[in-house]
Amino acid sequence: MKGIAHFLSGIAAASFIPAAVQQSAQGAWLLALAGACALLPDTLDFKFGRFLERPDDAIDPGPQPDAQAIADRIAAAADAAFQTGRPRTVQLHTVKVGADAWQQYAVRFDTPRDEIAVRIGPVVSTSQVPVGAPCPCPPLRGGGPPGAGREAPEARARTSAPMNYTYDAEVKIDIFSGPSFRFERKGDAIAITFLPWHRAWSHSLTVAIGLGVIVGLLWGWLAGIVAAVGYAVHVLEDQLGAMGSNLLWPLTRIRAPGLNLIRSGDTIPNFLTVWTACALTLFNLDRFADAPRLPVMPYLLGMVALPFVALVSAYVAGRRRERPRPVETLRQADLVAETQETEV
C-alpha cells in the first residue's frame, strides 16, 4: 500500500480516540504523530534496515557491466547455498556512470530452464528515464547496435538444482542502492527470497507495542497509545496483501503469509483507503467536537459504506477477469511495487 494511504490510515485510527481528537483541537500533534508512526515501518526498512544487511557476496559490476560475469556469480552463489545447505545472500550494486546517470541492468530467474538471465539495459537518469546513451552490449543478430525499440541480448548461467521462484518478471537495477536475494536450500530446490530484509523485524506488532511504551515514557500515555496504534495500522494493512509480515518478531522469525485480498500497487485499494480514512477522520473530528453537526447514519452511509461497496465490487470484478497467478508471484509483485514507490 502506498505511503499516503498508510499515513492517512494512521490518522484515521487515532481519531477514534476521543482524548487524542480533543487535544489535537487545542493544538496538540497527536494525530500527526499517528500518521508519522504509520510511515515508520517502511522508513525503517528502506532508509535504515537495508544498510544493516551483511551479504555473503556483493556483486559490483564496475563501469562497464559484463552480463555473463554477473549471471555466473549469481548462479555460483545459488549453487553454494544448495551444496552447503547454508543460506547465502547476494547484493547487486548499482553502476553510477555520471552525476545523474546510472547504467541499468536487469536480472531474471528463468525457473523452467533453471537459468539466471542478465541483460544490460540503457543508461538512465535518477528519474529512471533513458538519457540516450546505448548500452555497452554486443550487436544483436542481424546487425545494428541495441538501441531504441531493441532488446539487448541476455546472458545466461544454469544452476545445479531447480529454483523455487515464481516471479517471472525481471528485476531492474539502476538507481541508488541495489537489491539483494537470499538463496536457501529447501528439499531438492533452491528457494529464492527477494529483499530478505523487508517486512522482517520492522513489520511487527511487538515493535508497535515497544514503540508505544517508549513514546509513552517520553511524552505521556496518550502519545504512546497513538504511536502504537499508527504503527500497528501499517502492519495490519500490509497483511491484507499476499506477502505478509513478521507479526510477532522476535517470537517469530519468518513472515506470516498475507491474506492476498489486495495488492500494494493497485489503484482501487489505495484510493479506497485514502477516501475512507479521510471520511472517518472528518466524522470523528465532528463527533468529538462540542457541538457535532454531521448526521451520523446519512454520513456513514453516503461517505463510507456506499463508496466502499462500489469500489470493492469493482476491484473484485477486475481481479476475477485476470489470469490466475501463483501466490509467490503476487508476493514478489508487492515487493517490487513497494521498492519502486520508495526509491523513485
Foldseek 3Di string as FASTA:
>chain_A
DFLLLLLLLLLLLLLVPLVLLVVVVVPDCLSNLLSVLSNPLVCCVPVPLVVPDDFPEEDEQEQARDQQVVQVVVQVQLQVQAVVQNKGKYFYWWHDDDPFKTWKKKWFQPQVQQKIKIFTAAIAGLVRHHPFDGHPADDDPPDDRDDPPGGGDIHMDHHPFGEDAFQGDIDMGIDDGTWMWMWGDDPRYTYIDTRPSHQWPSLELVVLLVQLVVLCVVPHNSSSVSSSSSNNSSSVVVLQAQQAHNHHPPVDGDGDGHVRNDAQQDDLVSVLSSQQSVLSSVQSSQVSDPHRDDDPVVSCVPRPVVSVVVSSVVVVVVVVPDDDGDSSNRNVVSVSSSVVSVSD
